[in-house]
Amino acid sequence: MKEKLQALVNKMNEDPSGLDHLSATYNFILNDGEAYSVEFFERGAELSTEATEKAKCSLRLKEENLHKLIDGQLNATSAFMMGKIKVDGNIGLALKLQNVLNNYR
């Protein structure tokens, strides 16, 4: 999973125009206990291999669903409604993340 997230962050850093002025930190907490955080800022993004307390939005989901979310095979809103993603914190940021991910497919 780390490699896939790093590849996404690398794309964002190569062309930050798709970040749509997003400035926030997200935690991605997987069911197997793995956790990552991604900090988005106007000029790029940075990946960490652990959750952080400064995240304003935490997504709890299965690893396979995170793969699907990144690949565009899973819509964040639909996944939330179906219980495939649990959101702690700012739900508006979760929706904003969907738009940003769409820019990097």
PDB file of N, CA and C in Angstrom:
ATOM      1  N   MET A   1       0.815  -1.190   0.000  1.00  0.00           N
ATOM      2  CA  MET A   1       0.000   0.000   0.000  1.00  0.00           C
ATOM      3  C   MET A   1       0.861   1.257   0.000  1.00  0.00           C
ATOM      4  N   LYS A   2       1.963   1.185   0.727  1.00  0.00           N
ATOM      5  CA  LYS A   2       2.839   2.354   0.807  1.00  0.00           C
ATOM      6  C   LYS A   2       3.309   2.789  -0.576  1.00  0.00           C
ATOM      7  N   GLU A   3       3.653   1.828  -1.426  1.00  0.00           N
ATOM      8  CA  GLU A   3       4.150   2.145  -2.758  1.00  0.00           C
ATOM      9  C   GLU A   3       3.087   2.860  -3.588  1.00  0.00           C
ATOM     10  N   LYS A   4       1.847   2.397  -3.467  1.00  0.00           N
ATOM     11  CA  LYS A   4       0.751   3.008  -4.238  1.00  0.00           C
ATOM     12  C   LYS A   4       0.502   4.438  -3.767  1.00  0.00           C
ATOM     13  N   LEU A   5       0.490   4.643  -2.459  1.00  0.00           N
ATOM     14  CA  LEU A   5       0.304   5.998  -1.931  1.00  0.00           C
ATOM     15  C   LEU A   5       1.480   6.897  -2.308  1.00  0.00           C
ATOM     16  N   GLN A   6       2.699   6.357  -2.265  1.00  0.00           N
ATOM     17  CA  GLN A   6       3.869   7.162  -2.626  1.00  0.00           C
ATOM     18  C   GLN A   6       3.822   7.554  -4.096  1.00  0.00           C
ATOM     19  N   ALA A   7       3.388   6.637  -4.954  1.00  0.00           N
ATOM     20  CA  ALA A   7       3.265   6.950  -6.382  1.00  0.00           C
ATOM     21  C   ALA A   7       2.246   8.068  -6.602  1.00  0.00           C
ATOM     22  N   LEU A   8       1.151   8.028  -5.871  1.00  0.00           N
ATOM     23  CA  LEU A   8       0.130   9.081  -5.963  1.00  0.00           C
ATOM     24  C   LEU A   8       0.698  10.420  -5.495  1.00  0.00           C
ATOM     25  N   VAL A   9       1.385  10.424  -4.372  1.00  0.00           N
ATOM     26  CA  VAL A   9       2.001  11.643  -3.843  1.00  0.00           C
ATOM     27  C   VAL A   9       3.029  12.185  -4.837  1.00  0.00           C
ATOM     28  N   ASN A  10       3.793  11.297  -5.466  1.00  0.00           N
ATOM     29  CA  ASN A  10       4.775  11.735  -6.458  1.00  0.00           C
ATOM     30  C   ASN A  10       4.100  12.437  -7.633  1.00  0.00           C
ATOM     31  N   LYS A  11       2.978  11.875  -8.119  1.00  0.00           N
ATOM     32  CA  LYS A  11       2.217  12.516  -9.198  1.00  0.00           C
ATOM     33  C   LYS A  11       1.758  13.906  -8.780  1.00  0.00           C
ATOM     34  N   MET A  12       1.278  14.010  -7.546  1.00  0.00           N
ATOM     35  CA  MET A  12       0.791  15.291  -7.048  1.00  0.00           C
ATOM     36  C   MET A  12       1.921  16.319  -6.959  1.00  0.00           C
ATOM     37  N   ASN A  13       3.091  15.852  -6.558  1.00  0.00           N
ATOM     38  CA  ASN A  13       4.228  16.759  -6.447  1.00  0.00           C
ATOM     39  C   ASN A  13       4.759  17.188  -7.810  1.00  0.00           C
ATOM     40  N   GLU A  14       4.620  16.328  -8.813  1.00  0.00           N
ATOM     41  CA  GLU A  14       5.033  16.668 -10.171  1.00  0.00           C
ATOM     42  C   GLU A  14       4.109  17.715 -10.780  1.00  0.00           C
ATOM     43  N   ASP A  15       2.815  17.632 -10.467  1.00  0.00           N
ATOM     44  CA  ASP A  15       1.832  18.579 -10.993  1.00  0.00           C
ATOM     45  C   ASP A  15       0.813  18.913  -9.906  1.00  0.00           C
ATOM     46  N   PRO A  16       1.128  19.879  -9.039  1.00  0.00           N
ATOM     47  CA  PRO A  16       0.230  20.205  -7.938  1.00  0.00           C
ATOM     48  C   PRO A  16      -1.032  20.963  -8.336  1.00  0.00           C
ATOM     49  N   SER A  17      -1.201  21.269  -9.623  1.00  0.00           N
ATOM     50  CA  SER A  17      -2.395  22.025 -10.038  1.00  0.00           C
ATOM     51  C   SER A  17      -3.692  21.275  -9.729  1.00  0.00           C
ATOM     52  N   GLY A  18      -3.667  19.952  -9.697  1.00  0.00           N
ATOM     53  CA  GLY A  18      -4.859  19.159  -9.411  1.00  0.00           C
ATOM     54  C   GLY A  18      -5.240  19.108  -7.944  1.00  0.00           C
ATOM     55  N   LEU A  19      -4.410  19.692  -7.087  1.00  0.00           N
ATOM     56  CA  LEU A  19      -4.721  19.683  -5.646  1.00  0.00           C
ATOM     57  C   LEU A  19      -5.823  20.663  -5.285  1.00  0.00           C
ATOM     58  N   ASP A  20      -6.155  21.542  -6.221  1.00  0.00           N
ATOM     59  CA  ASP A  20      -7.301  22.436  -6.050  1.00  0.00           C
ATOM     60  C   ASP A  20      -7.235  23.213  -4.735  1.00  0.00           C
ATOM     61  N   HIS A  21      -6.052  23.716  -4.409  1.00  0.00           N
ATOM     62  CA  HIS A  21      -5.820  24.539  -3.210  1.00  0.00           C
ATOM     63  C   HIS A  21      -6.129  23.804  -1.904  1.00  0.00           C
ATOM     64  N   LEU A  22      -6.062  22.484  -1.924  1.00  0.00           N
ATOM     65  CA  LEU A  22      -6.310  21.697  -0.715  1.00  0.00           C
ATOM     66  C   LEU A  22      -5.153  21.870   0.261  1.00  0.00           C
ATOM     67  N   SER A  23      -5.489  22.186   1.469  1.00  0.00           N
ATOM     68  CA  SER A  23      -4.488  22.312   2.532  1.00  0.00           C
ATOM     69  C   SER A  23      -5.034  21.601   3.764  1.00  0.00           C
ATOM     70  N   ALA A  24      -4.697  20.328   3.898  1.00  0.00           N
ATOM     71  CA  ALA A  24      -5.225  19.521   5.000  1.00  0.00           C
ATOM     72  C   ALA A  24      -4.412  18.248   5.138  1.00  0.00           C
ATOM     73  N   THR A  25      -4.515  17.638   6.300  1.00  0.00           N
ATOM     74  CA  THR A  25      -3.856  16.357   6.552  1.00  0.00           C
ATOM     75  C   THR A  25      -4.927  15.293   6.770  1.00  0.00           C
ATOM     76  N   TYR A  26      -4.731  14.150   6.129  1.00  0.00           N
ATOM     77  CA  TYR A  26      -5.659  13.022   6.212  1.00  0.00           C
ATOM     78  C   TYR A  26      -4.932  11.821   6.798  1.00  0.00           C
ATOM     79  N   ASN A  27      -5.638  11.065   7.614  1.00  0.00           N
ATOM     80  CA  ASN A  27      -5.160   9.751   8.049  1.00  0.00           C
ATOM     81  C   ASN A  27      -5.918   8.699   7.256  1.00  0.00           C
ATOM     82  N   PHE A  28      -5.218   7.663   6.861  1.00  0.00           N
ATOM     83  CA  PHE A  28      -5.816   6.489   6.245  1.00  0.00           C
ATOM     84  C   PHE A  28      -5.489   5.323   7.166  1.00  0.00           C
ATOM     85  N   ILE A  29      -6.498   4.840   7.868  1.00  0.00           N
ATOM     86  CA  ILE A  29      -6.302   3.781   8.856  1.00  0.00           C
ATOM     87  C   ILE A  29      -6.933   2.511   8.310  1.00  0.00           C
ATOM     88  N   LEU A  30      -6.086   1.529   8.051  1.00  0.00           N
ATOM     89  CA  LEU A  30      -6.550   0.285   7.446  1.00  0.00           C
ATOM     90  C   LEU A  30      -6.960  -0.717   8.512  1.00  0.00           C
ATOM     91  N   ASN A  31      -7.846  -1.617   8.129  1.00  0.00           N
ATOM     92  CA  ASN A  31      -8.376  -2.597   9.084  1.00  0.00           C
ATOM     93  C   ASN A  31      -7.312  -3.506   9.662  1.00  0.00           C
ATOM     94  N   ASP A  32      -6.199  -3.681   8.957  1.00  0.00           N
ATOM     95  CA  ASP A  32      -5.151  -4.554   9.474  1.00  0.00           C
ATOM     96  C   ASP A  32      -4.217  -3.833  10.446  1.00  0.00           C
ATOM     97  N   GLY A  33      -4.523  -2.567  10.757  1.00  0.00           N
ATOM     98  CA  GLY A  33      -3.716  -1.811  11.712  1.00  0.00           C
ATOM     99  C   GLY A  33      -2.700  -0.888  11.071  1.00  0.00           C
ATOM    100  N   GLU A  34      -2.448  -1.071   9.769  1.00  0.00           N
ATOM    101  CA  GLU A  34      -1.556  -0.148   9.071  1.00  0.00           C
ATOM    102  C   GLU A  34      -2.185   1.239   9.056  1.00  0.00           C
ATOM    103  N   ALA A  35      -1.363   2.263   9.104  1.00  0.00           N
ATOM    104  CA  ALA A  35      -1.885   3.630   9.061  1.00  0.00           C
ATOM    105  C   ALA A  35      -0.910   4.517   8.301  1.00  0.00           C
ATOM    106  N   TYR A  36      -1.473   5.444   7.576  1.00  0.00           N
ATOM    107  CA  TYR A  36      -0.701   6.411   6.810  1.00  0.00           C
ATOM    108  C   TYR A  36      -1.337   7.777   6.997  1.00  0.00           C
ATOM    109  N   SER A  37      -0.545   8.794   6.814  1.00  0.00           N
ATOM    110  CA  SER A  37      -1.108  10.139   6.746  1.00  0.00           C
ATOM    111  C   SER A  37      -0.540  10.814   5.511  1.00  0.00           C
ATOM    112  N   VAL A  38      -1.370  11.626   4.904  1.00  0.00           N
ATOM    113  CA  VAL A  38      -0.947  12.411   3.753  1.00  0.00           C
ATOM    114  C   VAL A  38      -1.299  13.858   4.050  1.00  0.00           C
ATOM    115  N   GLU A  39      -0.282  14.692   3.982  1.00  0.00           N
ATOM    116  CA  GLU A  39      -0.492  16.125   4.171  1.00  0.00           C
ATOM    117  C   GLU A  39      -0.480  16.775   2.800  1.00  0.00           C
ATOM    118  N   PHE A  40      -1.565  17.460   2.489  1.00  0.00           N
ATOM    119  CA  PHE A  40      -1.687  18.191   1.234  1.00  0.00           C
ATOM    120  C   PHE A  40      -1.445  19.659   1.517  1.00  0.00           C
ATOM    121  N   PHE A  41      -0.677  20.276   0.662  1.00  0.00           N
ATOM    122  CA  PHE A  41      -0.471  21.714   0.753  1.00  0.00           C
ATOM    123  C   PHE A  41      -0.452  22.238  -0.680  1.00  0.00           C
ATOM    124  N   GLU A  42      -0.501  23.525  -0.842  1.00  0.00           N
ATOM    125  CA  GLU A  42      -0.700  24.102  -2.164  1.00  0.00           C
ATOM    126  C   GLU A  42       0.317  23.642  -3.203  1.00  0.00           C
ATOM    127  N   ARG A  43       1.521  23.352  -2.790  1.00  0.00           N
ATOM    128  CA  ARG A  43       2.575  23.005  -3.739  1.00  0.00           C
ATOM    129  C   ARG A  43       2.855  21.508  -3.810  1.00  0.00           C
ATOM    130  N   GLY A  44       2.059  20.685  -3.143  1.00  0.00           N
ATOM    131  CA  GLY A  44       2.310  19.257  -3.217  1.00  0.00           C
ATOM    132  C   GLY A  44       1.719  18.489  -2.057  1.00  0.00           C
ATOM    133  N   ALA A  45       2.308  17.331  -1.810  1.00  0.00           N
ATOM    134  CA  ALA A  45       1.809  16.443  -0.759  1.00  0.00           C
ATOM    135  C   ALA A  45       2.990  15.689  -0.160  1.00  0.00           C
ATOM    136  N   GLU A  46       2.778  15.198   1.058  1.00  0.00           N
ATOM    137  CA  GLU A  46       3.824  14.441   1.744  1.00  0.00           C
ATOM    138  C   GLU A  46       3.181  13.253   2.447  1.00  0.00           C
ATOM    139  N   LEU A  47       3.798  12.087   2.295  1.00  0.00           N
ATOM    140  CA  LEU A  47       3.307  10.837   2.875  1.00  0.00           C
ATOM    141  C   LEU A  47       4.085  10.496   4.133  1.00  0.00           C
ATOM    142  N   SER A  48       3.361  10.024   5.151  1.00  0.00           N
ATOM    143  CA  SER A  48       3.984   9.496   6.360  1.00  0.00           C
ATOM    144  C   SER A  48       3.413   8.098   6.604  1.00  0.00           C
ATOM    145  N   THR A  49       4.228   7.213   7.165  1.00  0.00           N
ATOM    146  CA  THR A  49       3.789   5.830   7.381  1.00  0.00           C
ATOM    147  C   THR A  49       3.167   5.620   8.759  1.00  0.00           C
ATOM    148  N   GLU A  50       2.599   6.668   9.299  1.00  0.00           N
ATOM    149  CA  GLU A  50       1.845   6.539  10.551  1.00  0.00           C
ATOM    150  C   GLU A  50       0.785   7.625  10.596  1.00  0.00           C
ATOM    151  N   ALA A  51      -0.236   7.391  11.387  1.00  0.00           N
ATOM    152  CA  ALA A  51      -1.293   8.384  11.566  1.00  0.00           C
ATOM    153  C   ALA A  51      -0.749   9.541  12.396  1.00  0.00           C
ATOM    154  N   THR A  52      -1.380  10.700  12.227  1.00  0.00           N
ATOM    155  CA  THR A  52      -0.963  11.873  12.979  1.00  0.00           C
ATOM    156  C   THR A  52      -2.166  12.510  13.662  1.00  0.00           C
ATOM    157  N   GLU A  53      -1.919  13.117  14.800  1.00  0.00           N
ATOM    158  CA  GLU A  53      -2.998  13.765  15.529  1.00  0.00           C
ATOM    159  C   GLU A  53      -3.442  15.062  14.879  1.00  0.00           C
ATOM    160  N   LYS A  54      -2.618  15.611  13.988  1.00  0.00           N
ATOM    161  CA  LYS A  54      -3.002  16.874  13.360  1.00  0.00           C
ATOM    162  C   LYS A  54      -3.949  16.692  12.172  1.00  0.00           C
ATOM    163  N   ALA A  55      -4.272  15.445  11.837  1.00  0.00           N
ATOM    164  CA  ALA A  55      -5.208  15.186  10.732  1.00  0.00           C
ATOM    165  C   ALA A  55      -6.590  15.723  11.071  1.00  0.00           C
ATOM    166  N   LYS A  56      -7.177  16.408  10.121  1.00  0.00           N
ATOM    167  CA  LYS A  56      -8.530  16.926  10.299  1.00  0.00           C
ATOM    168  C   LYS A  56      -9.591  15.945   9.793  1.00  0.00           C
ATOM    169  N   CYS A  57      -9.122  14.908   9.090  1.00  0.00           N
ATOM    170  CA  CYS A  57     -10.024  13.897   8.551  1.00  0.00           C
ATOM    171  C   CYS A  57      -9.317  12.545   8.568  1.00  0.00           C
ATOM    172  N   SER A  58      -9.959  11.556   9.155  1.00  0.00           N
ATOM    173  CA  SER A  58      -9.411  10.197   9.174  1.00  0.00           C
ATOM    174  C   SER A  58     -10.388   9.265   8.482  1.00  0.00           C
ATOM    175  N   LEU A  59      -9.862   8.476   7.570  1.00  0.00           N
ATOM    176  CA  LEU A  59     -10.665   7.493   6.856  1.00  0.00           C
ATOM    177  C   LEU A  59     -10.258   6.111   7.337  1.00  0.00           C
ATOM    178  N   ARG A  60     -11.230   5.327   7.762  1.00  0.00           N
ATOM    179  CA  ARG A  60     -10.998   3.949   8.204  1.00  0.00           C
ATOM    180  C   ARG A  60     -11.620   3.035   7.155  1.00  0.00           C
ATOM    181  N   LEU A  61     -10.766   2.147   6.596  1.00  0.00           N
ATOM    182  CA  LEU A  61     -11.249   1.305   5.522  1.00  0.00           C
ATOM    183  C   LEU A  61     -10.320   0.114   5.314  1.00  0.00           C
ATOM    184  N   LYS A  62     -10.796  -0.846   4.528  1.00  0.00           N
ATOM    185  CA  LYS A  62      -9.976  -2.001   4.166  1.00  0.00           C
ATOM    186  C   LYS A  62      -8.946  -1.562   3.131  1.00  0.00           C
ATOM    187  N   GLU A  63      -7.819  -2.248   3.119  1.00  0.00           N
ATOM    188  CA  GLU A  63      -6.771  -1.923   2.155  1.00  0.00           C
ATOM    189  C   GLU A  63      -7.292  -2.003   0.722  1.00  0.00           C
ATOM    190  N   GLU A  64      -8.077  -3.040   0.425  1.00  0.00           N
ATOM    191  CA  GLU A  64      -8.593  -3.189  -0.938  1.00  0.00           C
ATOM    192  C   GLU A  64      -9.474  -2.007  -1.333  1.00  0.00           C
ATOM    193  N   ASN A  65     -10.203  -1.444  -0.371  1.00  0.00           N
ATOM    194  CA  ASN A  65     -11.046  -0.288  -0.683  1.00  0.00           C
ATOM    195  C   ASN A  65     -10.212   0.979  -0.894  1.00  0.00           C
ATOM    196  N   LEU A  66      -9.089   1.089  -0.215  1.00  0.00           N
ATOM    197  CA  LEU A  66      -8.207   2.229  -0.453  1.00  0.00           C
ATOM    198  C   LEU A  66      -7.606   2.122  -1.854  1.00  0.00           C
ATOM    199  N   HIS A  67      -7.224   0.913  -2.264  1.00  0.00           N
ATOM    200  CA  HIS A  67      -6.736   0.710  -3.635  1.00  0.00           C
ATOM    201  C   HIS A  67      -7.801   1.151  -4.639  1.00  0.00           C
ATOM    202  N   LYS A  68      -9.031   0.715  -4.413  1.00  0.00           N
ATOM    203  CA  LYS A  68     -10.126   1.050  -5.332  1.00  0.00           C
ATOM    204  C   LYS A  68     -10.399   2.556  -5.339  1.00  0.00           C
ATOM    205  N   LEU A  69     -10.320   3.179  -4.183  1.00  0.00           N
ATOM    206  CA  LEU A  69     -10.540   4.619  -4.090  1.00  0.00           C
ATOM    207  C   LEU A  69      -9.495   5.373  -4.912  1.00  0.00           C
ATOM    208  N   ILE A  70      -8.240   4.982  -4.776  1.00  0.00           N
ATOM    209  CA  ILE A  70      -7.156   5.632  -5.514  1.00  0.00           C
ATOM    210  C   ILE A  70      -7.292   5.379  -7.014  1.00  0.00           C
ATOM    211  N   ASP A  71      -7.710   4.165  -7.386  1.00  0.00           N
ATOM    212  CA  ASP A  71      -7.817   3.796  -8.802  1.00  0.00           C
ATOM    213  C   ASP A  71      -9.089   4.309  -9.472  1.00  0.00           C
ATOM    214  N   GLY A  72     -10.004   4.884  -8.689  1.00  0.00           N
ATOM    215  CA  GLY A  72     -11.248   5.386  -9.263  1.00  0.00           C
ATOM    216  C   GLY A  72     -12.333   4.341  -9.401  1.00  0.00           C
ATOM    217  N   GLN A  73     -12.150   3.189  -8.784  1.00  0.00           N
ATOM    218  CA  GLN A  73     -13.147   2.126  -8.847  1.00  0.00           C
ATOM    219  C   GLN A  73     -14.132   2.188  -7.687  1.00  0.00           C
ATOM    220  N   LEU A  74     -13.919   3.136  -6.777  1.00  0.00           N
ATOM    221  CA  LEU A  74     -14.788   3.286  -5.613  1.00  0.00           C
ATOM    222  C   LEU A  74     -14.996   4.769  -5.369  1.00  0.00           C
ATOM    223  N   ASN A  75     -16.244   5.171  -5.331  1.00  0.00           N
ATOM    224  CA  ASN A  75     -16.594   6.556  -5.051  1.00  0.00           C
ATOM    225  C   ASN A  75     -16.668   6.740  -3.539  1.00  0.00           C
ATOM    226  N   ALA A  76     -15.987   7.749  -3.026  1.00  0.00           N
ATOM    227  CA  ALA A  76     -15.920   7.960  -1.576  1.00  0.00           C
ATOM    228  C   ALA A  76     -17.297   8.166  -0.959  1.00  0.00           C
ATOM    229  N   THR A  77     -18.151   8.924  -1.614  1.00  0.00           N
ATOM    230  CA  THR A  77     -19.484   9.190  -1.071  1.00  0.00           C
ATOM    231  C   THR A  77     -20.306   7.910  -0.992  1.00  0.00           C
ATOM    232  N   SER A  78     -20.307   7.149  -2.080  1.00  0.00           N
ATOM    233  CA  SER A  78     -21.050   5.883  -2.097  1.00  0.00           C
ATOM    234  C   SER A  78     -20.487   4.906  -1.067  1.00  0.00           C
ATOM    235  N   ALA A  79     -19.153   4.844  -0.989  1.00  0.00           N
ATOM    236  CA  ALA A  79     -18.510   3.932  -0.036  1.00  0.00           C
ATOM    237  C   ALA A  79     -18.869   4.306   1.394  1.00  0.00           C
ATOM    238  N   PHE A  80     -18.938   5.595   1.673  1.00  0.00           N
ATOM    239  CA  PHE A  80     -19.327   6.061   3.005  1.00  0.00           C
ATOM    240  C   PHE A  80     -20.760   5.630   3.306  1.00  0.00           C
ATOM    241  N   MET A  81     -21.659   5.821   2.354  1.00  0.00           N
ATOM    242  CA  MET A  81     -23.068   5.460   2.548  1.00  0.00           C
ATOM    243  C   MET A  81     -23.253   3.954   2.740  1.00  0.00           C
ATOM    244  N   MET A  82     -22.374   3.160   2.103  1.00  0.00           N
ATOM    245  CA  MET A  82     -22.465   1.697   2.211  1.00  0.00           C
ATOM    246  C   MET A  82     -21.682   1.160   3.404  1.00  0.00           C
ATOM    247  N   GLY A  83     -21.013   2.042   4.142  1.00  0.00           N
ATOM    248  CA  GLY A  83     -20.252   1.614   5.305  1.00  0.00           C
ATOM    249  C   GLY A  83     -18.877   1.042   4.982  1.00  0.00           C
ATOM    250  N   LYS A  84     -18.409   1.217   3.753  1.00  0.00           N
ATOM    251  CA  LYS A  84     -17.087   0.711   3.375  1.00  0.00           C
ATOM    252  C   LYS A  84     -15.977   1.650   3.837  1.00  0.00           C
ATOM    253  N   ILE A  85     -16.340   2.895   4.093  1.00  0.00           N
ATOM    254  CA  ILE A  85     -15.407   3.890   4.625  1.00  0.00           C
ATOM    255  C   ILE A  85     -16.076   4.543   5.823  1.00  0.00           C
ATOM    256  N   LYS A  86     -15.339   4.649   6.892  1.00  0.00           N
ATOM    257  CA  LYS A  86     -15.809   5.391   8.062  1.00  0.00           C
ATOM    258  C   LYS A  86     -14.975   6.657   8.149  1.00  0.00           C
ATOM    259  N   VAL A  87     -15.632   7.776   8.398  1.00  0.00           N
ATOM    260  CA  VAL A  87     -14.945   9.063   8.436  1.00  0.00           C
ATOM    261  C   VAL A  87     -15.008   9.622   9.840  1.00  0.00           C
ATOM    262  N   ASP A  88     -13.854   9.977  10.373  1.00  0.00           N
ATOM    263  CA  ASP A  88     -13.765  10.689  11.646  1.00  0.00           C
ATOM    264  C   ASP A  88     -13.247  12.080  11.324  1.00  0.00           C
ATOM    265  N   GLY A  89     -13.902  13.081  11.866  1.00  0.00           N
ATOM    266  CA  GLY A  89     -13.460  14.449  11.615  1.00  0.00           C
ATOM    267  C   GLY A  89     -14.309  15.122  10.565  1.00  0.00           C
ATOM    268  N   ASN A  90     -13.681  15.977   9.794  1.00  0.00           N
ATOM    269  CA  ASN A  90     -14.359  16.829   8.823  1.00  0.00           C
ATOM    270  C   ASN A  90     -14.790  16.038   7.591  1.00  0.00           C
ATOM    271  N   ILE A  91     -16.087  15.781   7.480  1.00  0.00           N
ATOM    272  CA  ILE A  91     -16.602  15.006   6.344  1.00  0.00           C
ATOM    273  C   ILE A  91     -16.485  15.800   5.044  1.00  0.00           C
ATOM    274  N   GLY A  92     -16.529  17.114   5.122  1.00  0.00           N
ATOM    275  CA  GLY A  92     -16.349  17.945   3.934  1.00  0.00           C
ATOM    276  C   GLY A  92     -14.994  17.722   3.293  1.00  0.00           C
ATOM    277  N   LEU A  93     -13.974  17.496   4.121  1.00  0.00           N
ATOM    278  CA  LEU A  93     -12.643  17.209   3.591  1.00  0.00           C
ATOM    279  C   LEU A  93     -12.612  15.849   2.890  1.00  0.00           C
ATOM    280  N   ALA A  94     -13.391  14.904   3.381  1.00  0.00           N
ATOM    281  CA  ALA A  94     -13.461  13.592   2.721  1.00  0.00           C
ATOM    282  C   ALA A  94     -14.032  13.750   1.317  1.00  0.00           C
ATOM    283  N   LEU A  95     -15.041  14.589   1.176  1.00  0.00           N
ATOM    284  CA  LEU A  95     -15.631  14.837  -0.133  1.00  0.00           C
ATOM    285  C   LEU A  95     -14.647  15.568  -1.038  1.00  0.00           C
ATOM    286  N   LYS A  96     -13.901  16.502  -0.487  1.00  0.00           N
ATOM    287  CA  LYS A  96     -12.898  17.238  -1.253  1.00  0.00           C
ATOM    288  C   LYS A  96     -11.801  16.286  -1.751  1.00  0.00           C
ATOM    289  N   LEU A  97     -11.460  15.304  -0.931  1.00  0.00           N
ATOM    290  CA  LEU A  97     -10.444  14.325  -1.319  1.00  0.00           C
ATOM    291  C   LEU A  97     -10.867  13.576  -2.583  1.00  0.00           C
ATOM    292  N   GLN A  98     -12.136  13.240  -2.686  1.00  0.00           N
ATOM    293  CA  GLN A  98     -12.640  12.545  -3.876  1.00  0.00           C
ATOM    294  C   GLN A  98     -12.353  13.373  -5.129  1.00  0.00           C
ATOM    295  N   ASN A  99     -12.611  14.669  -5.070  1.00  0.00           N
ATOM    296  CA  ASN A  99     -12.354  15.537  -6.221  1.00  0.00           C
ATOM    297  C   ASN A  99     -10.873  15.575  -6.577  1.00  0.00           C
ATOM    298  N   VAL A 100     -10.027  15.662  -5.558  1.00  0.00           N
ATOM    299  CA  VAL A 100      -8.583  15.708  -5.806  1.00  0.00           C
ATOM    300  C   VAL A 100      -8.115  14.383  -6.427  1.00  0.00           C
ATOM    301  N   LEU A 101      -8.565  13.267  -5.884  1.00  0.00           N
ATOM    302  CA  LEU A 101      -8.174  11.960  -6.439  1.00  0.00           C
ATOM    303  C   LEU A 101      -8.591  11.830  -7.894  1.00  0.00           C
ATOM    304  N   ASN A 102      -9.753  12.369  -8.236  1.00  0.00           N
ATOM    305  CA  ASN A 102     -10.222  12.318  -9.629  1.00  0.00           C
ATOM    306  C   ASN A 102      -9.249  13.036 -10.560  1.00  0.00           C
ATOM    307  N   ASN A 103      -8.549  14.044 -10.066  1.00  0.00           N
ATOM    308  CA  ASN A 103      -7.601  14.793 -10.896  1.00  0.00           C
ATOM    309  C   ASN A 103      -6.312  14.016 -11.176  1.00  0.00           C
ATOM    310  N   TYR A 104      -6.074  12.924 -10.474  1.00  0.00           N
ATOM    311  CA  TYR A 104      -4.810  12.177 -10.614  1.00  0.00           C
ATOM    312  C   TYR A 104      -5.000  10.752 -11.091  1.00  0.00           C
ATOM    313  N   ARG A 105      -6.053  10.496 -11.817  1.00  0.00           N
ATOM    314  CA  ARG A 105      -6.291   9.153 -12.365  1.00  0.00           C
ATOM    315  C   ARG A 105      -5.767   9.069 -13.761  1.00  0.00           C
TER     316      ARG A 105
END
